[in-house]
Amino acid sequence: MLSASARVTKTVCPVLVWMIAATACSFAEDGKSPPAARQATSVPSTQPADAASSGDPVADEILDRLDARGESIKGLACKIIYRYVTVFPAESMQQKDGTLLFAKADPNARFLIHFTKLSAEGIERETGEYWAFDGRWLTERNDKSRTIIKREIAAPGERKDPFKLGQGPFPLPLGQKRKDILDNFTVRLEKFTLGDPRGSDHLHCVPKPGTPLANKYTRVDIYVDRAASLPVRIVTERVSDANRIEVDFKSIDTNEAPAASRFTIEEPKGYDVSVEPLESADAAGVLP
């Protein structure tokens, strides 16, 4: 049987790039009082006149801004706080703290996540976990187990949008057209509540029946910073067990343009290295 720590590690891969959805958020902290009521603006939409609608013009505008802002991002560096919450038999949480690098590239975007601290059951310890996607390979390195796993996500030279909702291996609300999101989710704008990131709008997204995402998530909550028009918090709840993954993004530097060499994970001597080509990685159910 997997230990609690191992089970947490297993859940990271399927949701890794939900973290990347914060690729240009501004600094945000939990607020203690609700902000002023959100009003639709007259900023021109990038969507066609016949674009799908959530039924709420304010929510539609937020989705359009997510699309436009995502298109403008070239790279970033930030801190991330990743929480895995289990609900049975009693609610408990494990938290990982680390850093994120992201860069747009040809043919596919790149990212690197490095976790340095793990907190669980009142105990805090240093950890060394790396997750890197170089546009073709997703590489995981675990310093505790001294293992490295390389999983092929895209064929050589293949253009694959890893963020395409319902199609790519990684579902993301970054740079997505309003229609693509609404094809997959029923979206509702929620009121501000205590604990929400200050200055954010809360989009409650429920996967539509029959979509691939409906088999994985009961809900996806996206908190969008009003000034930056990008997510500052993402919460997902799994269909299989109602466990939640909550990710916050802090100290964002959107002027960062990481070089390609920064997305390569070092392979220390003595580590066990395994390689999973595209077919075997997909068959093993590694991809979300």
Protein backbone atom coordinates (compact mmCIF):
# COMPACT_ATOMS: atom_id res chain seq x y z
CA MET A 1 0.00 0.00 0.00
CA LEU A 2 1.25 3.49 -0.86
CA SER A 3 2.16 5.79 2.00
CA ALA A 4 0.32 9.09 2.33
CA SER A 5 3.38 10.89 1.00
CA ALA A 6 3.58 8.59 -2.00
CA ARG A 7 -0.10 9.06 -2.76
CA VAL A 8 0.38 12.81 -2.77
CA THR A 9 3.28 12.51 -5.19
CA LYS A 10 1.15 10.37 -7.49
CA THR A 11 -1.45 13.12 -7.74
CA VAL A 12 0.95 15.87 -8.77
CA CYS A 13 1.51 14.83 -12.39
CA PRO A 14 -2.13 14.93 -13.54
CA VAL A 15 -2.58 18.46 -12.24
CA LEU A 16 0.89 19.92 -12.61
CA VAL A 17 0.12 22.48 -15.21
CA TRP A 18 -2.99 23.74 -13.55
CA MET A 19 -0.23 25.56 -11.69
CA ILE A 20 0.98 27.14 -14.91
CA ALA A 21 -2.39 28.77 -15.28
CA ALA A 22 -1.03 31.53 -13.06
CA THR A 23 1.60 32.54 -15.57
CA ALA A 24 1.24 36.25 -15.03
CA CYS A 25 -0.77 36.92 -11.96
CA SER A 26 0.00 39.87 -9.76
CA PHE A 27 0.73 39.66 -6.06
CA ALA A 28 -2.37 38.63 -4.14
CA GLU A 29 -3.12 37.83 -0.52
CA ASP A 30 -6.18 36.55 1.26
CA GLY A 31 -8.62 39.37 1.88
CA LYS A 32 -10.64 39.99 5.02
CA SER A 33 -13.34 42.13 3.47
CA PRO A 34 -15.21 41.87 0.17
CA PRO A 35 -14.12 44.15 -2.70
CA ALA A 36 -16.45 46.45 -4.55
CA ALA A 37 -19.03 44.80 -6.76
CA ARG A 38 -17.67 43.70 -10.15
CA GLN A 39 -19.02 45.53 -13.18
CA ALA A 40 -18.62 44.69 -16.84
CA THR A 41 -16.34 47.09 -18.73
CA SER A 42 -16.39 48.37 -22.27
CA VAL A 43 -13.06 46.74 -23.20
CA PRO A 44 -13.53 45.17 -26.65
CA SER A 45 -13.87 41.39 -26.63
CA THR A 46 -11.52 39.22 -28.68
CA GLN A 47 -14.39 36.80 -29.28
CA PRO A 48 -16.63 36.76 -32.38
CA ALA A 49 -20.09 38.23 -32.07
CA ASP A 50 -21.65 34.76 -31.99
CA ALA A 51 -19.30 33.42 -29.29
CA ALA A 52 -20.77 31.14 -26.65
CA SER A 53 -21.97 32.82 -23.47
CA SER A 54 -22.06 31.71 -19.87
CA GLY A 55 -25.24 33.73 -19.48
CA ASP A 56 -23.41 36.36 -17.43
CA PRO A 57 -21.68 39.21 -19.35
CA VAL A 58 -19.27 39.80 -16.46
CA ALA A 59 -18.17 36.15 -16.43
CA ASP A 60 -17.82 36.26 -20.23
CA GLU A 61 -15.59 39.31 -19.95
CA ILE A 62 -13.37 37.60 -17.38
CA LEU A 63 -12.99 34.60 -19.69
CA ASP A 64 -12.07 36.91 -22.58
CA ARG A 65 -9.47 38.65 -20.43
CA LEU A 66 -7.97 35.29 -19.45
CA ASP A 67 -7.58 34.51 -23.14
CA ALA A 68 -6.02 37.86 -24.04
CA ARG A 69 -3.64 37.95 -21.08
CA GLY A 70 -2.53 34.39 -21.65
CA GLU A 71 -1.61 35.27 -25.22
CA SER A 72 0.64 38.10 -24.02
CA ILE A 73 2.70 36.07 -21.55
CA LYS A 74 6.20 35.08 -22.69
CA GLY A 75 7.67 33.75 -19.44
CA LEU A 76 7.65 34.03 -15.68
CA ALA A 77 9.05 32.96 -12.34
CA CYS A 78 6.99 32.65 -9.15
CA LYS A 79 6.51 30.88 -5.84
CA ILE A 80 3.80 28.23 -5.55
CA ILE A 81 1.93 26.75 -2.61
CA TYR A 82 0.43 23.36 -3.45
CA ARG A 83 -2.07 21.76 -1.05
CA TYR A 84 -3.47 18.25 -1.36
CA VAL A 85 -6.57 17.81 0.82
CA THR A 86 -7.98 14.35 1.54
CA VAL A 87 -11.52 14.11 2.92
CA PHE A 88 -11.81 10.48 4.08
CA PRO A 89 -11.93 9.24 6.78
CA ALA A 90 -11.25 12.75 8.12
CA GLU A 91 -10.06 15.83 6.31
CA SER A 92 -6.29 16.25 6.30
CA MET A 93 -3.84 18.27 4.26
CA GLN A 94 -0.32 18.03 2.95
CA GLN A 95 1.34 21.17 1.63
CA LYS A 96 4.30 21.62 -0.67
CA ASP A 97 6.12 24.91 -1.21
CA GLY A 98 8.32 25.62 -4.17
CA THR A 99 9.02 27.65 -7.28
CA LEU A 100 7.79 27.68 -10.86
CA LEU A 101 9.43 28.71 -14.13
CA PHE A 102 7.45 28.99 -17.35
CA ALA A 103 8.38 30.01 -20.90
CA LYS A 104 6.65 29.99 -24.25
CA ALA A 105 8.71 28.17 -26.85
CA ASP A 106 8.54 26.57 -30.28
CA PRO A 107 7.00 24.09 -30.83
CA ASN A 108 5.67 23.77 -27.25
CA ALA A 109 5.81 25.71 -23.99
CA ARG A 110 8.18 24.70 -21.17
CA PHE A 111 7.89 24.68 -17.39
CA LEU A 112 9.87 23.65 -14.32
CA ILE A 113 8.49 23.14 -10.82
CA HIS A 114 10.82 22.59 -7.86
CA PHE A 115 9.34 21.71 -4.47
CA THR A 116 11.65 22.38 -1.52
CA LYS A 117 9.40 22.01 1.57
CA LEU A 118 6.74 19.52 2.66
CA SER A 119 4.35 20.08 5.57
CA ALA A 120 2.00 17.39 6.91
CA GLU A 121 0.38 16.58 10.26
CA GLY A 122 2.22 19.43 11.95
CA ILE A 123 5.62 18.27 10.72
CA GLU A 124 7.68 20.30 8.28
CA ARG A 125 10.70 19.00 6.41
CA GLU A 126 12.85 19.79 3.43
CA THR A 127 12.09 17.92 0.24
CA GLY A 128 13.59 17.73 -3.21
CA GLU A 129 11.07 17.17 -5.99
CA TYR A 130 11.38 18.41 -9.56
CA TRP A 131 8.90 18.37 -12.43
CA ALA A 132 10.03 19.68 -15.82
CA PHE A 133 8.46 19.77 -19.28
CA ASP A 134 10.84 20.77 -22.08
CA GLY A 135 8.23 20.73 -24.84
CA ARG A 136 8.59 17.01 -25.43
CA TRP A 137 9.49 15.17 -22.21
CA LEU A 138 7.96 15.43 -18.74
CA THR A 139 10.71 14.61 -16.25
CA GLU A 140 10.18 13.86 -12.56
CA ARG A 141 13.03 13.71 -10.07
CA ASN A 142 12.58 12.65 -6.45
CA ASP A 143 15.63 13.11 -4.26
CA LYS A 144 14.21 11.06 -1.37
CA SER A 145 13.71 7.94 -3.49
CA ARG A 146 16.68 8.82 -5.73
CA THR A 147 14.62 8.23 -8.84
CA ILE A 148 14.14 9.99 -12.17
CA ILE A 149 11.26 9.23 -14.53
CA LYS A 150 11.14 10.62 -18.08
CA ARG A 151 7.77 10.48 -19.81
CA GLU A 152 7.40 11.46 -23.47
CA ILE A 153 4.44 13.80 -23.95
CA ALA A 154 4.93 14.89 -27.58
CA ALA A 155 6.69 13.29 -30.54
CA PRO A 156 9.84 15.01 -31.87
CA GLY A 157 8.89 18.28 -33.56
CA GLU A 158 5.18 17.70 -32.88
CA ARG A 159 3.15 20.79 -32.15
CA LYS A 160 0.90 19.92 -29.27
CA ASP A 161 -0.96 22.45 -27.19
CA PRO A 162 -0.55 20.91 -23.73
CA PHE A 163 -3.09 23.37 -22.39
CA LYS A 164 -6.02 22.64 -24.72
CA LEU A 165 -9.08 21.90 -22.62
CA GLY A 166 -10.40 18.42 -23.31
CA GLN A 167 -7.70 17.64 -25.89
CA GLY A 168 -4.19 18.22 -24.62
CA PRO A 169 -2.64 16.22 -21.79
CA PHE A 170 -2.85 19.22 -19.47
CA PRO A 171 -6.16 21.14 -19.03
CA LEU A 172 -5.54 24.84 -18.40
CA PRO A 173 -7.61 28.03 -18.39
CA LEU A 174 -4.61 29.97 -19.75
CA GLY A 175 -4.91 31.35 -23.28
CA GLN A 176 -8.15 29.46 -23.87
CA LYS A 177 -10.98 30.83 -25.95
CA ARG A 178 -14.21 31.48 -24.13
CA LYS A 179 -15.97 28.99 -26.39
CA ASP A 180 -13.50 26.22 -25.54
CA ILE A 181 -14.01 26.74 -21.82
CA LEU A 182 -17.79 26.94 -22.13
CA ASP A 183 -17.84 23.83 -24.32
CA ASN A 184 -16.33 21.95 -21.37
CA PHE A 185 -17.74 23.78 -18.33
CA THR A 186 -20.82 25.45 -16.99
CA VAL A 187 -19.36 28.66 -15.55
CA ARG A 188 -20.83 30.78 -12.76
CA LEU A 189 -19.44 33.92 -11.14
CA GLU A 190 -19.47 33.52 -7.34
CA LYS A 191 -19.67 36.24 -4.71
CA PHE A 192 -16.58 37.14 -2.71
CA THR A 193 -16.26 35.16 0.52
CA LEU A 194 -13.85 35.33 3.45
CA GLY A 195 -10.53 33.78 2.48
CA ASP A 196 -10.77 34.51 -1.24
CA PRO A 197 -7.68 36.21 -2.72
CA ARG A 198 -8.05 39.97 -2.41
CA GLY A 199 -9.11 41.74 -5.59
CA SER A 200 -10.09 38.53 -7.38
CA ASP A 201 -13.16 37.19 -9.15
CA HIS A 202 -14.22 33.60 -8.46
CA LEU A 203 -15.31 31.50 -11.44
CA HIS A 204 -17.00 28.26 -10.37
CA CYS A 205 -16.66 25.78 -13.25
CA VAL A 206 -18.55 22.48 -13.40
CA PRO A 207 -17.54 20.05 -16.17
CA LYS A 208 -20.39 19.34 -18.55
CA PRO A 209 -21.71 15.77 -18.67
CA GLY A 210 -20.12 13.74 -21.45
CA THR A 211 -16.88 15.73 -21.56
CA PRO A 212 -13.53 14.10 -20.70
CA LEU A 213 -13.10 16.48 -17.77
CA ALA A 214 -16.40 15.32 -16.26
CA ASN A 215 -14.75 11.96 -15.59
CA LYS A 216 -11.98 13.61 -13.57
CA TYR A 217 -13.34 16.65 -11.76
CA THR A 218 -16.59 17.53 -10.04
CA ARG A 219 -15.58 21.19 -10.06
CA VAL A 220 -12.78 23.58 -10.91
CA ASP A 221 -12.67 26.94 -9.12
CA ILE A 222 -10.56 29.67 -10.70
CA TYR A 223 -9.80 32.89 -8.82
CA VAL A 224 -8.83 35.61 -11.30
CA ASP A 225 -6.94 38.73 -10.27
CA ARG A 226 -8.83 41.74 -11.59
CA ALA A 227 -5.79 43.88 -12.30
CA ALA A 228 -3.71 41.15 -13.96
CA SER A 229 -6.61 39.23 -15.57
CA LEU A 230 -4.98 35.92 -14.65
CA PRO A 231 -5.55 33.23 -12.02
CA VAL A 232 -4.09 33.60 -8.54
CA ARG A 233 -5.65 30.43 -7.12
CA ILE A 234 -7.00 27.22 -8.62
CA VAL A 235 -8.95 24.53 -6.78
CA THR A 236 -9.92 21.17 -8.29
CA GLU A 237 -12.08 18.44 -6.76
CA ARG A 238 -11.75 14.91 -8.07
CA VAL A 239 -14.67 12.70 -9.02
CA SER A 240 -13.02 9.53 -7.73
CA ASP A 241 -12.68 10.49 -4.06
CA ALA A 242 -13.69 14.18 -3.60
CA ASN A 243 -10.11 15.01 -2.66
CA ARG A 244 -9.04 18.55 -3.51
CA ILE A 245 -5.95 20.16 -4.94
CA GLU A 246 -5.47 23.84 -4.16
CA VAL A 247 -2.69 25.92 -5.72
CA ASP A 248 -1.73 29.51 -4.90
CA PHE A 249 0.77 31.65 -6.80
CA LYS A 250 2.96 34.26 -5.11
CA SER A 251 5.73 36.77 -5.90
CA ILE A 252 5.20 36.65 -9.64
CA ASP A 253 7.83 38.05 -12.00
CA THR A 254 6.21 38.27 -15.43
CA ASN A 255 9.32 39.83 -16.94
CA GLU A 256 11.21 36.57 -16.52
CA ALA A 257 12.28 34.89 -19.78
CA PRO A 258 13.97 31.64 -18.70
CA ALA A 259 16.52 30.15 -21.09
CA ALA A 260 15.92 26.65 -22.47
CA SER A 261 18.79 25.28 -20.38
CA ARG A 262 16.90 26.08 -17.16
CA PHE A 263 14.27 23.44 -17.97
CA THR A 264 16.75 20.56 -17.88
CA ILE A 265 16.91 18.53 -14.65
CA GLU A 266 20.33 17.33 -13.54
CA GLU A 267 20.75 13.56 -13.17
CA PRO A 268 22.91 12.88 -10.09
CA LYS A 269 25.05 9.76 -10.02
CA GLY A 270 23.45 6.75 -8.37
CA TYR A 271 19.86 7.70 -9.24
CA ASP A 272 17.58 5.12 -10.85
CA VAL A 273 16.50 6.50 -14.25
CA SER A 274 13.53 5.14 -16.23
CA VAL A 275 12.26 6.28 -19.63
CA GLU A 276 8.68 5.93 -20.86
CA PRO A 277 8.15 6.64 -24.59
CA LEU A 278 4.94 8.30 -25.73
CA GLU A 279 2.94 5.10 -26.26
CA SER A 280 3.81 3.51 -22.91
CA ALA A 281 3.35 6.73 -20.95
CA ASP A 282 -0.13 7.18 -22.37
CA ALA A 283 -1.06 3.54 -21.89
CA ALA A 284 0.07 3.63 -18.28
CA GLY A 285 -2.44 6.35 -17.55
CA VAL A 286 0.21 8.91 -16.64
CA LEU A 287 -1.45 11.63 -18.64
CA PRO A 288 -4.50 13.23 -17.03
